[in-house]
Amino acid sequence: MAPSYKHHVFICQNQRPEGHPRGCCLAKGADKILEYMKIRIKELGLKNIRINKAGCLDQCEKGPAVVIYPEGTWYTIKTIEDAETLIQSHLIQDQKATELLMK
């Protein structure tokens, strides 16, 4: 039986050279957001949720880019506080964190 998750969260970890016109999610702190979310999900004892690194999600200018499947909901998560809001809203309450939705 294939593994399935209620929520599968992908956080861009792409790195571009410094000064690249599109920027990159890693330079915007995506690594800290990934680390926080992995630790926090474990602390909260949330099962059936997977947090994964992603390569370039091609939303560099809007990043740090996060996409959650199976819904296919895209977010811009800029701070640890944003990450906590995403966890509480989308992952726990099953409600989109509308203020964080990628525009």
PDB file of N, CA and C in Angstrom:
ATOM      1  N   MET A   1       0.845  -1.186   0.000  1.00  0.00           N
ATOM      2  CA  MET A   1       0.000   0.000   0.000  1.00  0.00           C
ATOM      3  C   MET A   1       0.890   1.249   0.000  1.00  0.00           C
ATOM      4  N   ALA A   2       0.625   2.150  -0.894  1.00  0.00           N
ATOM      5  CA  ALA A   2       1.421   3.373  -1.001  1.00  0.00           C
ATOM      6  C   ALA A   2       1.147   4.292   0.183  1.00  0.00           C
ATOM      7  N   PRO A   3       2.197   4.957   0.684  1.00  0.00           N
ATOM      8  CA  PRO A   3       1.972   5.897   1.787  1.00  0.00           C
ATOM      9  C   PRO A   3       1.111   7.061   1.318  1.00  0.00           C
ATOM     10  N   SER A   4       0.286   7.524   2.208  1.00  0.00           N
ATOM     11  CA  SER A   4      -0.508   8.700   1.891  1.00  0.00           C
ATOM     12  C   SER A   4      -0.500   9.604   3.105  1.00  0.00           C
ATOM     13  N   TYR A   5      -0.556  10.872   2.843  1.00  0.00           N
ATOM     14  CA  TYR A   5      -0.523  11.862   3.903  1.00  0.00           C
ATOM     15  C   TYR A   5      -1.747  12.743   3.787  1.00  0.00           C
ATOM     16  N   LYS A   6      -2.248  13.152   4.927  1.00  0.00           N
ATOM     17  CA  LYS A   6      -3.348  14.112   4.924  1.00  0.00           C
ATOM     18  C   LYS A   6      -2.856  15.412   4.286  1.00  0.00           C
ATOM     19  N   HIS A   7      -1.649  15.819   4.666  1.00  0.00           N
ATOM     20  CA  HIS A   7      -1.024  17.005   4.083  1.00  0.00           C
ATOM     21  C   HIS A   7       0.436  16.683   3.793  1.00  0.00           C
ATOM     22  N   HIS A   8       0.874  16.975   2.588  1.00  0.00           N
ATOM     23  CA  HIS A   8       2.269  16.794   2.193  1.00  0.00           C
ATOM     24  C   HIS A   8       2.779  18.180   1.817  1.00  0.00           C
ATOM     25  N   VAL A   9       3.685  18.722   2.641  1.00  0.00           N
ATOM     26  CA  VAL A   9       4.149  20.094   2.536  1.00  0.00           C
ATOM     27  C   VAL A   9       5.534  20.124   1.888  1.00  0.00           C
ATOM     28  N   PHE A  10       5.658  20.868   0.808  1.00  0.00           N
ATOM     29  CA  PHE A  10       6.930  21.026   0.119  1.00  0.00           C
ATOM     30  C   PHE A  10       7.402  22.469   0.280  1.00  0.00           C
ATOM     31  N   ILE A  11       8.640  22.626   0.757  1.00  0.00           N
ATOM     32  CA  ILE A  11       9.212  23.947   0.993  1.00  0.00           C
ATOM     33  C   ILE A  11      10.442  24.101   0.107  1.00  0.00           C
ATOM     34  N   CYS A  12      10.408  25.077  -0.780  1.00  0.00           N
ATOM     35  CA  CYS A  12      11.517  25.296  -1.714  1.00  0.00           C
ATOM     36  C   CYS A  12      12.806  25.565  -0.958  1.00  0.00           C
ATOM     37  N   GLN A  13      13.859  24.894  -1.392  1.00  0.00           N
ATOM     38  CA  GLN A  13      15.192  25.083  -0.823  1.00  0.00           C
ATOM     39  C   GLN A  13      16.193  25.467  -1.913  1.00  0.00           C
ATOM     40  N   ASN A  14      15.683  25.966  -3.028  1.00  0.00           N
ATOM     41  CA  ASN A  14      16.554  26.298  -4.159  1.00  0.00           C
ATOM     42  C   ASN A  14      17.480  27.457  -3.818  1.00  0.00           C
ATOM     43  N   GLN A  15      18.709  27.346  -4.308  1.00  0.00           N
ATOM     44  CA  GLN A  15      19.707  28.395  -4.113  1.00  0.00           C
ATOM     45  C   GLN A  15      20.239  28.840  -5.464  1.00  0.00           C
ATOM     46  N   ARG A  16      20.189  30.131  -5.692  1.00  0.00           N
ATOM     47  CA  ARG A  16      20.748  30.726  -6.902  1.00  0.00           C
ATOM     48  C   ARG A  16      21.976  31.552  -6.495  1.00  0.00           C
ATOM     49  N   PRO A  17      22.820  31.895  -7.460  1.00  0.00           N
ATOM     50  CA  PRO A  17      23.980  32.735  -7.134  1.00  0.00           C
ATOM     51  C   PRO A  17      23.530  34.083  -6.561  1.00  0.00           C
ATOM     52  N   GLU A  18      24.319  34.617  -5.661  1.00  0.00           N
ATOM     53  CA  GLU A  18      24.025  35.924  -5.079  1.00  0.00           C
ATOM     54  C   GLU A  18      23.888  36.958  -6.186  1.00  0.00           C
ATOM     55  N   GLY A  19      22.863  37.804  -6.064  1.00  0.00           N
ATOM     56  CA  GLY A  19      22.639  38.841  -7.063  1.00  0.00           C
ATOM     57  C   GLY A  19      21.798  38.405  -8.252  1.00  0.00           C
ATOM     58  N   HIS A  20      21.356  37.135  -8.267  1.00  0.00           N
ATOM     59  CA  HIS A  20      20.522  36.667  -9.377  1.00  0.00           C
ATOM     60  C   HIS A  20      19.239  37.499  -9.404  1.00  0.00           C
ATOM     61  N   PRO A  21      18.796  37.930 -10.590  1.00  0.00           N
ATOM     62  CA  PRO A  21      17.634  38.817 -10.668  1.00  0.00           C
ATOM     63  C   PRO A  21      16.343  38.221 -10.099  1.00  0.00           C
ATOM     64  N   ARG A  22      16.198  36.907 -10.100  1.00  0.00           N
ATOM     65  CA  ARG A  22      14.966  36.303  -9.574  1.00  0.00           C
ATOM     66  C   ARG A  22      15.047  36.038  -8.073  1.00  0.00           C
ATOM     67  N   GLY A  23      16.236  36.097  -7.506  1.00  0.00           N
ATOM     68  CA  GLY A  23      16.399  35.772  -6.101  1.00  0.00           C
ATOM     69  C   GLY A  23      16.219  34.270  -5.899  1.00  0.00           C
ATOM     70  N   CYS A  24      16.165  33.858  -4.647  1.00  0.00           N
ATOM     71  CA  CYS A  24      15.920  32.446  -4.359  1.00  0.00           C
ATOM     72  C   CYS A  24      15.339  32.287  -2.967  1.00  0.00           C
ATOM     73  N   CYS A  25      14.627  31.195  -2.779  1.00  0.00           N
ATOM     74  CA  CYS A  25      13.953  30.953  -1.506  1.00  0.00           C
ATOM     75  C   CYS A  25      14.945  30.721  -0.368  1.00  0.00           C
ATOM     76  N   LEU A  26      16.048  30.048  -0.647  1.00  0.00           N
ATOM     77  CA  LEU A  26      17.012  29.767   0.408  1.00  0.00           C
ATOM     78  C   LEU A  26      17.572  31.059   0.998  1.00  0.00           C
ATOM     79  N   ALA A  27      17.883  32.025   0.162  1.00  0.00           N
ATOM     80  CA  ALA A  27      18.401  33.312   0.639  1.00  0.00           C
ATOM     81  C   ALA A  27      17.367  34.080   1.451  1.00  0.00           C
ATOM     82  N   LYS A  28      16.094  33.712   1.311  1.00  0.00           N
ATOM     83  CA  LYS A  28      15.015  34.376   2.044  1.00  0.00           C
ATOM     84  C   LYS A  28      14.644  33.629   3.325  1.00  0.00           C
ATOM     85  N   GLY A  29      15.443  32.630   3.705  1.00  0.00           N
ATOM     86  CA  GLY A  29      15.220  31.941   4.976  1.00  0.00           C
ATOM     87  C   GLY A  29      14.407  30.667   4.906  1.00  0.00           C
ATOM     88  N   ALA A  30      14.249  30.098   3.725  1.00  0.00           N
ATOM     89  CA  ALA A  30      13.445  28.884   3.580  1.00  0.00           C
ATOM     90  C   ALA A  30      13.999  27.710   4.387  1.00  0.00           C
ATOM     91  N   ASP A  31      15.319  27.674   4.592  1.00  0.00           N
ATOM     92  CA  ASP A  31      15.908  26.586   5.379  1.00  0.00           C
ATOM     93  C   ASP A  31      15.465  26.643   6.832  1.00  0.00           C
ATOM     94  N   LYS A  32      15.367  27.846   7.387  1.00  0.00           N
ATOM     95  CA  LYS A  32      14.915  28.005   8.777  1.00  0.00           C
ATOM     96  C   LYS A  32      13.431  27.642   8.911  1.00  0.00           C
ATOM     97  N   ILE A  33      12.654  27.973   7.902  1.00  0.00           N
ATOM     98  CA  ILE A  33      11.224  27.643   7.907  1.00  0.00           C
ATOM     99  C   ILE A  33      11.042  26.132   7.842  1.00  0.00           C
ATOM    100  N   LEU A  34      11.791  25.464   6.979  1.00  0.00           N
ATOM    101  CA  LEU A  34      11.727  24.005   6.875  1.00  0.00           C
ATOM    102  C   LEU A  34      12.083  23.356   8.217  1.00  0.00           C
ATOM    103  N   GLU A  35      13.184  23.781   8.803  1.00  0.00           N
ATOM    104  CA  GLU A  35      13.626  23.214  10.076  1.00  0.00           C
ATOM    105  C   GLU A  35      12.571  23.429  11.164  1.00  0.00           C
ATOM    106  N   TYR A  36      12.030  24.644  11.253  1.00  0.00           N
ATOM    107  CA  TYR A  36      11.006  24.954  12.247  1.00  0.00           C
ATOM    108  C   TYR A  36       9.783  24.064  12.067  1.00  0.00           C
ATOM    109  N   MET A  37       9.311  23.961  10.836  1.00  0.00           N
ATOM    110  CA  MET A  37       8.087  23.192  10.600  1.00  0.00           C
ATOM    111  C   MET A  37       8.276  21.716  10.913  1.00  0.00           C
ATOM    112  N   LYS A  38       9.417  21.149  10.575  1.00  0.00           N
ATOM    113  CA  LYS A  38       9.682  19.733  10.893  1.00  0.00           C
ATOM    114  C   LYS A  38       9.664  19.510  12.403  1.00  0.00           C
ATOM    115  N   ILE A  39      10.362  20.382  13.133  1.00  0.00           N
ATOM    116  CA  ILE A  39      10.421  20.255  14.596  1.00  0.00           C
ATOM    117  C   ILE A  39       9.038  20.461  15.211  1.00  0.00           C
ATOM    118  N   ARG A  40       8.340  21.473  14.747  1.00  0.00           N
ATOM    119  CA  ARG A  40       7.033  21.825  15.331  1.00  0.00           C
ATOM    120  C   ARG A  40       5.988  20.726  15.102  1.00  0.00           C
ATOM    121  N   ILE A  41       5.969  20.137  13.923  1.00  0.00           N
ATOM    122  CA  ILE A  41       5.027  19.059  13.620  1.00  0.00           C
ATOM    123  C   ILE A  41       5.272  17.884  14.565  1.00  0.00           C
ATOM    124  N   LYS A  42       6.546  17.593  14.805  1.00  0.00           N
ATOM    125  CA  LYS A  42       6.905  16.513  15.730  1.00  0.00           C
ATOM    126  C   LYS A  42       6.498  16.865  17.159  1.00  0.00           C
ATOM    127  N   GLU A  43       6.792  18.106  17.586  1.00  0.00           N
ATOM    128  CA  GLU A  43       6.422  18.569  18.937  1.00  0.00           C
ATOM    129  C   GLU A  43       4.925  18.455  19.183  1.00  0.00           C
ATOM    130  N   LEU A  44       4.149  18.800  18.173  1.00  0.00           N
ATOM    131  CA  LEU A  44       2.689  18.776  18.297  1.00  0.00           C
ATOM    132  C   LEU A  44       2.114  17.366  18.161  1.00  0.00           C
ATOM    133  N   GLY A  45       2.960  16.415  17.794  1.00  0.00           N
ATOM    134  CA  GLY A  45       2.502  15.034  17.649  1.00  0.00           C
ATOM    135  C   GLY A  45       1.566  14.836  16.472  1.00  0.00           C
ATOM    136  N   LEU A  46       1.708  15.679  15.449  1.00  0.00           N
ATOM    137  CA  LEU A  46       0.817  15.576  14.290  1.00  0.00           C
ATOM    138  C   LEU A  46       1.261  14.416  13.411  1.00  0.00           C
ATOM    139  N   LYS A  47       0.376  13.503  13.211  1.00  0.00           N
ATOM    140  CA  LYS A  47       0.655  12.336  12.370  1.00  0.00           C
ATOM    141  C   LYS A  47       0.056  12.567  10.988  1.00  0.00           C
ATOM    142  N   ASN A  48       0.518  11.803  10.043  1.00  0.00           N
ATOM    143  CA  ASN A  48      -0.042  11.840   8.697  1.00  0.00           C
ATOM    144  C   ASN A  48       0.222  13.162   7.975  1.00  0.00           C
ATOM    145  N   ILE A  49       1.279  13.887   8.440  1.00  0.00           N
ATOM    146  CA  ILE A  49       1.710  15.114   7.783  1.00  0.00           C
ATOM    147  C   ILE A  49       3.190  14.959   7.496  1.00  0.00           C
ATOM    148  N   ARG A  50       3.583  15.273   6.279  1.00  0.00           N
ATOM    149  CA  ARG A  50       4.981  15.149   5.878  1.00  0.00           C
ATOM    150  C   ARG A  50       5.489  16.510   5.425  1.00  0.00           C
ATOM    151  N   ILE A  51       6.642  16.909   5.953  1.00  0.00           N
ATOM    152  CA  ILE A  51       7.302  18.150   5.564  1.00  0.00           C
ATOM    153  C   ILE A  51       8.531  17.764   4.754  1.00  0.00           C
ATOM    154  N   ASN A  52       8.640  18.258   3.518  1.00  0.00           N
ATOM    155  CA  ASN A  52       9.742  17.892   2.633  1.00  0.00           C
ATOM    156  C   ASN A  52      10.435  19.105   2.033  1.00  0.00           C
ATOM    157  N   LYS A  53      11.722  18.934   1.768  1.00  0.00           N
ATOM    158  CA  LYS A  53      12.473  19.895   0.964  1.00  0.00           C
ATOM    159  C   LYS A  53      11.981  19.773  -0.472  1.00  0.00           C
ATOM    160  N   ALA A  54      11.980  20.889  -1.165  1.00  0.00           N
ATOM    161  CA  ALA A  54      11.677  20.864  -2.597  1.00  0.00           C
ATOM    162  C   ALA A  54      12.789  21.604  -3.329  1.00  0.00           C
ATOM    163  N   GLY A  55      13.025  21.202  -4.555  1.00  0.00           N
ATOM    164  CA  GLY A  55      13.886  21.977  -5.426  1.00  0.00           C
ATOM    165  C   GLY A  55      13.102  23.200  -5.872  1.00  0.00           C
ATOM    166  N   CYS A  56      13.572  23.858  -6.884  1.00  0.00           N
ATOM    167  CA  CYS A  56      12.931  25.086  -7.343  1.00  0.00           C
ATOM    168  C   CYS A  56      11.467  24.840  -7.711  1.00  0.00           C
ATOM    169  N   LEU A  57      10.592  25.637  -7.115  1.00  0.00           N
ATOM    170  CA  LEU A  57       9.163  25.571  -7.420  1.00  0.00           C
ATOM    171  C   LEU A  57       8.774  26.660  -8.430  1.00  0.00           C
ATOM    172  N   ASP A  58       9.770  27.382  -8.948  1.00  0.00           N
ATOM    173  CA  ASP A  58       9.600  28.400  -9.982  1.00  0.00           C
ATOM    174  C   ASP A  58       8.703  29.555  -9.548  1.00  0.00           C
ATOM    175  N   GLN A  59       8.771  29.892  -8.260  1.00  0.00           N
ATOM    176  CA  GLN A  59       8.038  31.041  -7.729  1.00  0.00           C
ATOM    177  C   GLN A  59       9.009  31.917  -6.944  1.00  0.00           C
ATOM    178  N   CYS A  60      10.220  32.026  -7.451  1.00  0.00           N
ATOM    179  CA  CYS A  60      11.343  32.660  -6.745  1.00  0.00           C
ATOM    180  C   CYS A  60      11.015  34.056  -6.210  1.00  0.00           C
ATOM    181  N   GLU A  61      10.397  34.863  -7.039  1.00  0.00           N
ATOM    182  CA  GLU A  61      10.103  36.241  -6.641  1.00  0.00           C
ATOM    183  C   GLU A  61       9.067  36.316  -5.528  1.00  0.00           C
ATOM    184  N   LYS A  62       8.274  35.266  -5.368  1.00  0.00           N
ATOM    185  CA  LYS A  62       7.181  35.264  -4.389  1.00  0.00           C
ATOM    186  C   LYS A  62       7.539  34.497  -3.121  1.00  0.00           C
ATOM    187  N   GLY A  63       8.740  33.967  -3.048  1.00  0.00           N
ATOM    188  CA  GLY A  63       9.130  33.065  -1.985  1.00  0.00           C
ATOM    189  C   GLY A  63       9.433  33.729  -0.666  1.00  0.00           C
ATOM    190  N   PRO A  64       9.719  32.881   0.301  1.00  0.00           N
ATOM    191  CA  PRO A  64       9.863  31.441   0.253  1.00  0.00           C
ATOM    192  C   PRO A  64       8.544  30.742  -0.111  1.00  0.00           C
ATOM    193  N   ALA A  65       8.648  29.883  -1.106  1.00  0.00           N
ATOM    194  CA  ALA A  65       7.481  29.198  -1.664  1.00  0.00           C
ATOM    195  C   ALA A  65       7.216  27.879  -0.937  1.00  0.00           C
ATOM    196  N   VAL A  66       5.939  27.679  -0.610  1.00  0.00           N
ATOM    197  CA  VAL A  66       5.476  26.451   0.034  1.00  0.00           C
ATOM    198  C   VAL A  66       4.225  25.990  -0.701  1.00  0.00           C
ATOM    199  N   VAL A  67       4.154  24.701  -1.007  1.00  0.00           N
ATOM    200  CA  VAL A  67       2.946  24.154  -1.622  1.00  0.00           C
ATOM    201  C   VAL A  67       2.530  22.922  -0.819  1.00  0.00           C
ATOM    202  N   ILE A  68       1.234  22.810  -0.591  1.00  0.00           N
ATOM    203  CA  ILE A  68       0.696  21.696   0.187  1.00  0.00           C
ATOM    204  C   ILE A  68      -0.207  20.860  -0.707  1.00  0.00           C
ATOM    205  N   TYR A  69       0.091  19.570  -0.736  1.00  0.00           N
ATOM    206  CA  TYR A  69      -0.732  18.609  -1.475  1.00  0.00           C
ATOM    207  C   TYR A  69      -1.416  17.689  -0.489  1.00  0.00           C
ATOM    208  N   PRO A  70      -2.570  17.107  -0.826  1.00  0.00           N
ATOM    209  CA  PRO A  70      -3.099  16.984  -2.180  1.00  0.00           C
ATOM    210  C   PRO A  70      -3.883  18.195  -2.673  1.00  0.00           C
ATOM    211  N   GLU A  71      -4.083  19.204  -1.823  1.00  0.00           N
ATOM    212  CA  GLU A  71      -4.910  20.341  -2.231  1.00  0.00           C
ATOM    213  C   GLU A  71      -4.277  21.178  -3.340  1.00  0.00           C
ATOM    214  N   GLY A  72      -2.939  21.258  -3.347  1.00  0.00           N
ATOM    215  CA  GLY A  72      -2.264  22.125  -4.309  1.00  0.00           C
ATOM    216  C   GLY A  72      -2.382  23.584  -3.913  1.00  0.00           C
ATOM    217  N   THR A  73      -2.322  23.863  -2.616  1.00  0.00           N
ATOM    218  CA  THR A  73      -2.434  25.231  -2.110  1.00  0.00           C
ATOM    219  C   THR A  73      -1.036  25.827  -1.964  1.00  0.00           C
ATOM    220  N   TRP A  74      -0.843  27.011  -2.545  1.00  0.00           N
ATOM    221  CA  TRP A  74       0.456  27.679  -2.555  1.00  0.00           C
ATOM    222  C   TRP A  74       0.476  28.825  -1.555  1.00  0.00           C
ATOM    223  N   TYR A  75       1.579  28.893  -0.809  1.00  0.00           N
ATOM    224  CA  TYR A  75       1.762  29.933   0.196  1.00  0.00           C
ATOM    225  C   TYR A  75       3.112  30.615   0.040  1.00  0.00           C
ATOM    226  N   THR A  76       3.179  31.861   0.505  1.00  0.00           N
ATOM    227  CA  THR A  76       4.443  32.566   0.711  1.00  0.00           C
ATOM    228  C   THR A  76       4.626  32.644   2.222  1.00  0.00           C
ATOM    229  N   ILE A  77       5.674  32.013   2.721  1.00  0.00           N
ATOM    230  CA  ILE A  77       5.944  31.955   4.158  1.00  0.00           C
ATOM    231  C   ILE A  77       7.264  32.674   4.402  1.00  0.00           C
ATOM    232  N   LYS A  78       7.203  33.879   4.966  1.00  0.00           N
ATOM    233  CA  LYS A  78       8.397  34.703   5.114  1.00  0.00           C
ATOM    234  C   LYS A  78       9.035  34.630   6.493  1.00  0.00           C
ATOM    235  N   THR A  79       8.274  34.214   7.502  1.00  0.00           N
ATOM    236  CA  THR A  79       8.786  34.234   8.874  1.00  0.00           C
ATOM    237  C   THR A  79       8.386  32.955   9.610  1.00  0.00           C
ATOM    238  N   ILE A  80       9.009  32.751  10.753  1.00  0.00           N
ATOM    239  CA  ILE A  80       8.633  31.633  11.620  1.00  0.00           C
ATOM    240  C   ILE A  80       7.187  31.822  12.086  1.00  0.00           C
ATOM    241  N   GLU A  81       6.790  33.062  12.331  1.00  0.00           N
ATOM    242  CA  GLU A  81       5.400  33.344  12.732  1.00  0.00           C
ATOM    243  C   GLU A  81       4.430  32.931  11.624  1.00  0.00           C
ATOM    244  N   ASP A  82       4.793  33.202  10.364  1.00  0.00           N
ATOM    245  CA  ASP A  82       3.974  32.751   9.229  1.00  0.00           C
ATOM    246  C   ASP A  82       3.878  31.227   9.217  1.00  0.00           C
ATOM    247  N   ALA A  83       5.004  30.566   9.482  1.00  0.00           N
ATOM    248  CA  ALA A  83       5.018  29.101   9.495  1.00  0.00           C
ATOM    249  C   ALA A  83       4.083  28.573  10.575  1.00  0.00           C
ATOM    250  N   GLU A  84       4.087  29.192  11.735  1.00  0.00           N
ATOM    251  CA  GLU A  84       3.198  28.763  12.823  1.00  0.00           C
ATOM    252  C   GLU A  84       1.740  28.997  12.444  1.00  0.00           C
ATOM    253  N   THR A  85       1.450  30.119  11.811  1.00  0.00           N
ATOM    254  CA  THR A  85       0.086  30.387  11.347  1.00  0.00           C
ATOM    255  C   THR A  85      -0.352  29.311  10.364  1.00  0.00           C
ATOM    256  N   LEU A  86       0.527  28.952   9.439  1.00  0.00           N
ATOM    257  CA  LEU A  86       0.218  27.903   8.464  1.00  0.00           C
ATOM    258  C   LEU A  86      -0.069  26.576   9.163  1.00  0.00           C
ATOM    259  N   ILE A  87       0.750  26.229  10.130  1.00  0.00           N
ATOM    260  CA  ILE A  87       0.545  24.979  10.881  1.00  0.00           C
ATOM    261  C   ILE A  87      -0.807  24.997  11.574  1.00  0.00           C
ATOM    262  N   GLN A  88      -1.086  26.071  12.302  1.00  0.00           N
ATOM    263  CA  GLN A  88      -2.333  26.143  13.066  1.00  0.00           C
ATOM    264  C   GLN A  88      -3.565  26.160  12.162  1.00  0.00           C
ATOM    265  N   SER A  89      -3.510  26.935  11.084  1.00  0.00           N
ATOM    266  CA  SER A  89      -4.681  27.072  10.203  1.00  0.00           C
ATOM    267  C   SER A  89      -4.849  25.878   9.276  1.00  0.00           C
ATOM    268  N   HIS A  90      -3.874  25.683   8.394  1.00  0.00           N
ATOM    269  CA  HIS A  90      -4.040  24.685   7.332  1.00  0.00           C
ATOM    270  C   HIS A  90      -3.847  23.258   7.843  1.00  0.00           C
ATOM    271  N   LEU A  91      -2.809  23.040   8.626  1.00  0.00           N
ATOM    272  CA  LEU A  91      -2.476  21.665   9.009  1.00  0.00           C
ATOM    273  C   LEU A  91      -3.286  21.149  10.191  1.00  0.00           C
ATOM    274  N   ILE A  92      -3.677  22.013  11.096  1.00  0.00           N
ATOM    275  CA  ILE A  92      -4.452  21.567  12.264  1.00  0.00           C
ATOM    276  C   ILE A  92      -5.950  21.782  12.055  1.00  0.00           C
ATOM    277  N   GLN A  93      -6.334  22.995  11.648  1.00  0.00           N
ATOM    278  CA  GLN A  93      -7.766  23.316  11.526  1.00  0.00           C
ATOM    279  C   GLN A  93      -8.341  23.047  10.138  1.00  0.00           C
ATOM    280  N   ASP A  94      -7.504  22.628   9.200  1.00  0.00           N
ATOM    281  CA  ASP A  94      -7.939  22.369   7.820  1.00  0.00           C
ATOM    282  C   ASP A  94      -8.614  23.584   7.186  1.00  0.00           C
ATOM    283  N   GLN A  95      -8.080  24.764   7.504  1.00  0.00           N
ATOM    284  CA  GLN A  95      -8.576  26.000   6.904  1.00  0.00           C
ATOM    285  C   GLN A  95      -7.401  26.721   6.257  1.00  0.00           C
ATOM    286  N   LYS A  96      -7.589  27.190   5.047  1.00  0.00           N
ATOM    287  CA  LYS A  96      -6.510  27.915   4.379  1.00  0.00           C
ATOM    288  C   LYS A  96      -6.120  29.145   5.190  1.00  0.00           C
ATOM    289  N   ALA A  97      -4.824  29.396   5.268  1.00  0.00           N
ATOM    290  CA  ALA A  97      -4.310  30.613   5.896  1.00  0.00           C
ATOM    291  C   ALA A  97      -4.353  31.700   4.824  1.00  0.00           C
ATOM    292  N   THR A  98      -5.514  32.295   4.653  1.00  0.00           N
ATOM    293  CA  THR A  98      -5.764  33.172   3.511  1.00  0.00           C
ATOM    294  C   THR A  98      -4.789  34.330   3.407  1.00  0.00           C
ATOM    295  N   GLU A  99      -4.326  34.855   4.551  1.00  0.00           N
ATOM    296  CA  GLU A  99      -3.398  35.985   4.516  1.00  0.00           C
ATOM    297  C   GLU A  99      -2.017  35.594   3.992  1.00  0.00           C
ATOM    298  N   LEU A 100      -1.742  34.287   3.918  1.00  0.00           N
ATOM    299  CA  LEU A 100      -0.447  33.792   3.448  1.00  0.00           C
ATOM    300  C   LEU A 100      -0.494  33.193   2.051  1.00  0.00           C
ATOM    301  N   LEU A 101      -1.682  33.124   1.461  1.00  0.00           N
ATOM    302  CA  LEU A 101      -1.801  32.544   0.128  1.00  0.00           C
ATOM    303  C   LEU A 101      -0.939  33.303  -0.869  1.00  0.00           C
ATOM    304  N   MET A 102      -0.255  32.573  -1.727  1.00  0.00           N
ATOM    305  CA  MET A 102       0.604  33.193  -2.734  1.00  0.00           C
ATOM    306  C   MET A 102      -0.260  33.940  -3.730  1.00  0.00           C
ATOM    307  N   LYS A 103       0.164  35.144  -4.015  1.00  0.00           N
ATOM    308  CA  LYS A 103      -0.599  35.977  -4.946  1.00  0.00           C
ATOM    309  C   LYS A 103       0.005  35.910  -6.325  1.00  0.00           C
TER     310      LYS A 103
END
